[in-house]
Protein backbone atom coordinates (compact mmCIF):
# COMPACT_ATOMS: atom_id res chain seq x y z
CA MET A 1 25.34 289.54 -52.28
CA MET A 2 26.35 293.02 -53.06
CA ASP A 3 29.86 293.78 -52.07
CA SER A 4 30.56 297.32 -51.04
CA PRO A 5 33.46 299.30 -49.18
CA LEU A 6 33.59 298.99 -45.46
CA ASN A 7 35.00 302.64 -44.67
CA GLN A 8 38.13 301.18 -42.89
CA PRO A 9 41.79 302.40 -43.64
CA SER A 10 43.51 300.07 -46.13
CA PRO A 11 46.12 297.94 -44.83
CA ALA A 12 49.69 299.33 -45.28
CA LEU A 13 51.91 297.74 -48.07
CA PRO A 14 54.17 295.26 -46.27
CA GLU A 15 57.62 296.25 -45.82
CA ALA A 16 59.34 293.46 -47.30
CA PRO A 17 58.77 292.50 -50.94
CA LEU A 18 56.40 289.41 -51.05
CA GLU A 19 56.79 286.01 -53.27
CA ALA A 20 53.35 284.52 -52.84
CA VAL A 21 49.62 284.80 -52.26
CA VAL A 22 47.62 281.90 -50.92
CA ILE A 23 43.90 281.94 -51.20
CA GLY A 24 41.35 279.70 -49.97
CA ALA A 25 37.43 279.42 -50.66
CA SER A 26 34.60 276.94 -50.85
CA ALA A 27 30.93 277.53 -51.22
CA GLY A 28 30.65 280.77 -53.69
CA ALA A 29 34.21 280.30 -54.55
CA VAL A 30 33.95 281.21 -58.29
CA GLU A 31 32.10 284.47 -57.65
CA ALA A 32 34.57 285.53 -55.35
CA LEU A 33 37.49 284.78 -57.07
CA SER A 34 36.07 286.24 -60.36
CA ALA A 35 35.97 289.73 -58.44
CA ILE A 36 39.77 289.29 -57.80
CA LEU A 37 41.78 287.08 -60.00
CA PRO A 38 40.91 288.90 -63.31
CA LEU A 39 41.90 292.26 -62.14
CA LEU A 40 45.68 291.36 -61.89
CA PRO A 41 47.85 292.71 -64.60
CA GLU A 42 49.89 290.40 -67.13
CA GLN A 43 53.02 291.35 -65.54
CA TYR A 44 52.07 290.50 -61.78
CA PRO A 45 55.52 289.64 -59.97
CA LEU A 46 53.65 287.02 -57.28
CA ALA A 47 52.71 283.58 -57.58
CA LEU A 48 49.11 282.97 -56.43
CA LEU A 49 48.24 279.39 -54.97
CA VAL A 50 44.41 278.71 -54.53
CA VAL A 51 42.72 275.94 -52.93
CA VAL A 52 38.99 275.45 -53.63
CA HIS A 53 36.96 272.68 -52.22
CA LEU A 54 36.03 270.60 -54.99
CA PRO A 55 34.19 267.19 -55.47
CA PRO A 56 36.94 264.62 -55.11
CA TYR A 57 36.07 262.18 -57.96
CA GLN A 58 35.17 264.70 -60.63
CA GLU A 59 37.10 266.57 -63.20
CA SER A 60 37.15 270.17 -62.38
CA ALA A 61 36.68 273.01 -64.83
CA ILE A 62 37.89 275.61 -62.62
CA VAL A 63 40.92 276.13 -64.31
CA GLU A 64 39.60 276.48 -67.96
CA LEU A 65 37.19 278.79 -66.54
CA PHE A 66 39.70 281.13 -65.18
CA GLN A 67 42.02 280.64 -68.13
CA GLY A 68 39.41 282.56 -70.24
CA ARG A 69 38.98 285.53 -67.48
CA CYS A 70 42.63 286.21 -66.33
CA ARG A 71 45.59 287.84 -67.84
CA LEU A 72 48.00 285.79 -65.74
CA GLN A 73 48.87 281.79 -66.61
CA VAL A 74 46.40 279.76 -65.01
CA LYS A 75 47.19 276.13 -64.37
CA GLU A 76 46.48 273.02 -62.27
CA ALA A 77 49.28 272.55 -59.78
CA GLU A 78 51.73 269.62 -60.63
CA ASP A 79 53.82 267.67 -58.12
CA LYS A 80 57.14 268.97 -57.69
CA GLU A 81 57.16 272.01 -60.21
CA PRO A 82 58.86 275.31 -59.27
CA VAL A 83 56.77 277.95 -58.12
CA ALA A 84 56.74 280.87 -60.97
CA PRO A 85 55.73 284.39 -60.41
CA GLY A 86 52.76 285.61 -62.44
CA THR A 87 51.10 282.19 -62.24
CA ILE A 88 47.76 281.15 -60.52
CA TYR A 89 47.99 277.49 -59.50
CA PHE A 90 44.63 275.72 -58.43
CA ALA A 91 45.17 272.61 -56.35
CA PRO A 92 43.64 269.63 -58.17
CA PRO A 93 40.56 267.54 -57.08
CA ASN A 94 41.29 265.08 -53.99
CA TYR A 95 45.03 266.25 -53.54
CA HIS A 96 46.40 268.65 -50.83
CA LEU A 97 48.49 271.03 -52.28
CA LEU A 98 51.82 272.39 -50.42
CA VAL A 99 54.83 274.30 -50.80
CA GLU A 100 58.18 272.60 -50.37
CA ALA A 101 61.24 274.18 -48.75
CA GLU A 102 62.89 274.65 -52.22
CA ARG A 103 59.92 276.51 -53.35
CA ARG A 104 58.37 273.44 -55.27
CA LEU A 105 54.94 272.44 -55.25
CA SER A 106 54.01 269.27 -53.72
CA LEU A 107 50.74 266.93 -53.91
CA SER A 108 49.66 264.75 -51.26
CA ILE A 109 46.84 262.18 -50.79
CA GLU A 110 47.10 262.46 -46.82
CA GLU A 111 43.95 262.18 -44.89
CA PRO A 112 41.49 265.00 -45.45
CA VAL A 113 41.54 267.80 -43.06
CA LEU A 114 38.14 268.93 -41.61
CA PHE A 115 36.60 266.75 -44.29
CA CYS A 116 38.48 268.39 -47.27
CA ARG A 117 41.25 267.37 -49.66
CA PRO A 118 42.30 269.71 -50.89
CA ALA A 119 42.44 271.65 -47.79
CA VAL A 120 43.25 275.38 -47.20
CA ASP A 121 44.96 274.89 -43.73
CA VAL A 122 47.45 272.41 -45.31
CA LEU A 123 48.62 274.87 -47.94
CA PHE A 124 48.56 277.96 -45.72
CA GLU A 125 50.42 276.22 -43.22
CA SER A 126 53.14 274.82 -45.48
CA ALA A 127 53.41 278.08 -47.44
CA ALA A 128 53.95 280.15 -44.12
CA ASP A 129 56.79 277.68 -43.22
CA VAL A 130 58.55 278.37 -46.48
CA TYR A 131 57.84 282.14 -47.15
CA GLY A 132 57.34 283.52 -43.69
CA PRO A 133 56.65 287.39 -43.79
CA ARG A 134 56.94 287.08 -47.83
CA LEU A 135 53.41 285.54 -47.89
CA ALA A 136 49.78 287.03 -48.01
CA GLY A 137 46.99 284.73 -47.20
CA ILE A 138 43.32 285.23 -48.15
CA ILE A 139 40.42 283.42 -46.90
CA LEU A 140 37.00 284.02 -48.97
CA THR A 141 33.56 282.64 -48.66
CA GLY A 142 33.06 279.19 -47.50
CA ALA A 143 30.81 276.96 -45.28
CA ASN A 144 33.26 275.22 -42.84
CA ALA A 145 36.28 276.30 -40.74
CA ASP A 146 38.89 275.31 -43.04
CA GLY A 147 41.51 278.13 -43.39
CA ALA A 148 41.28 279.37 -39.72
CA ALA A 149 44.45 277.52 -38.54
CA GLY A 150 46.22 278.13 -41.86
CA LEU A 151 45.56 281.89 -41.78
CA ARG A 152 46.78 282.17 -38.14
CA ALA A 153 50.26 280.33 -39.22
CA VAL A 154 50.30 283.00 -41.97
CA CYS A 155 50.18 285.78 -39.74
CA ALA A 156 52.25 284.31 -36.77
CA ALA A 157 55.20 283.93 -39.44
CA GLY A 158 54.83 287.62 -40.19
CA GLY A 159 52.49 287.31 -43.55
CA VAL A 160 49.68 289.28 -44.36
CA GLY A 161 46.43 288.04 -43.44
CA LEU A 162 42.95 289.13 -45.38
CA VAL A 163 39.46 288.03 -44.78
CA GLN A 164 36.59 288.59 -47.07
CA ASP A 165 33.80 290.45 -44.74
CA PRO A 166 31.61 287.80 -43.73
CA ARG A 167 28.61 289.97 -43.96
CA LEU A 168 29.34 290.13 -47.58
CA ALA A 169 30.31 286.51 -48.42
CA GLN A 170 28.00 284.19 -49.95
CA ALA A 171 28.73 281.54 -47.29
CA PRO A 172 30.20 283.36 -43.88
CA ALA A 173 31.29 280.37 -41.67
CA MET A 174 34.86 280.17 -43.28
CA PRO A 175 35.80 283.86 -43.02
CA GLN A 176 34.26 284.03 -39.55
CA ALA A 177 36.18 281.17 -38.32
CA ALA A 178 39.30 282.74 -39.90
CA LEU A 179 38.80 286.08 -38.17
CA GLN A 180 38.07 284.40 -34.82
CA SER A 181 41.21 282.38 -35.17
CA CYS A 182 43.36 285.25 -36.47
CA PRO A 183 42.46 288.61 -34.98
CA ALA A 184 45.35 290.32 -36.80
CA ALA A 185 43.92 289.77 -40.38
CA ARG A 186 41.91 292.54 -41.80
CA ARG A 187 38.30 292.21 -42.76
CA MET A 188 37.79 293.61 -46.21
CA SER A 189 35.36 293.71 -49.24
CA LEU A 190 36.24 291.80 -52.44
CA ALA A 191 36.86 295.17 -54.19
CA GLU A 192 39.24 296.05 -51.36
CA ILE A 193 40.95 292.92 -51.63
CA GLY A 194 41.50 293.02 -55.35
CA ALA A 195 42.75 296.58 -54.95
CA PHE A 196 45.22 295.68 -52.26
CA LEU A 197 46.70 292.71 -54.37
CA ARG A 198 47.06 295.05 -57.13
CA GLY A 199 49.35 297.05 -55.06
CA LEU A 200 51.37 294.30 -53.48
CA PRO A 201 55.15 294.74 -53.95
CA GLY A 202 57.07 291.69 -55.21
CA GLU A 203 60.72 291.28 -55.76
CA GLY A 204 61.71 294.07 -58.00
CA GLN A 205 58.32 295.78 -57.83
CA ARG A 206 57.83 298.00 -54.94
CA THR A 207 55.45 300.46 -56.05
CA PRO A 208 51.67 299.84 -56.95
CA PHE A 209 50.37 298.94 -60.13
CA HIS A 210 48.53 301.37 -62.39
CA GLY A 211 46.24 300.34 -65.07
């Protein structure tokens, strides 16, 4: 489906510099993420943590796919590794991805949430606890309600919430559920989300990126 601007004002940049962005997507994820992640510049100061619903017992090619498309480092998240800026972490198949208090990643085989492992809610809720207002959460296309509670937690902690416009999503159920759960989140096109991310200030970087 074609993406298009929505004629609404862009959200203001957060007052405090951000540390991380969490992203959740399911059906249609590769297409949606391909419209966002390759836009980010090489010196991007934030970490990006991504959950895509994956078949639990198949090796995923999503990391290799985006390694060839992005200027940032792209890797599969590893248990207990520190969260580093300028890196895109994907949750591995059949593991929940969490952020721990000391800003390290954690992998869990706890029960699926909304039939999903990895689950978007698990990542978003743990990241909201750690980063508070220094976090942005993004819900993209998907066919269930995973991510709705997690985005609400991000916004409740003072973070920024963005949701792909359901009218423009390949699978609208996930963004619709997120907007219903978190009315403070902003409904945006993929192009607007990408442009917003390029302008997010990180530690030591308070002006929008150019180029």
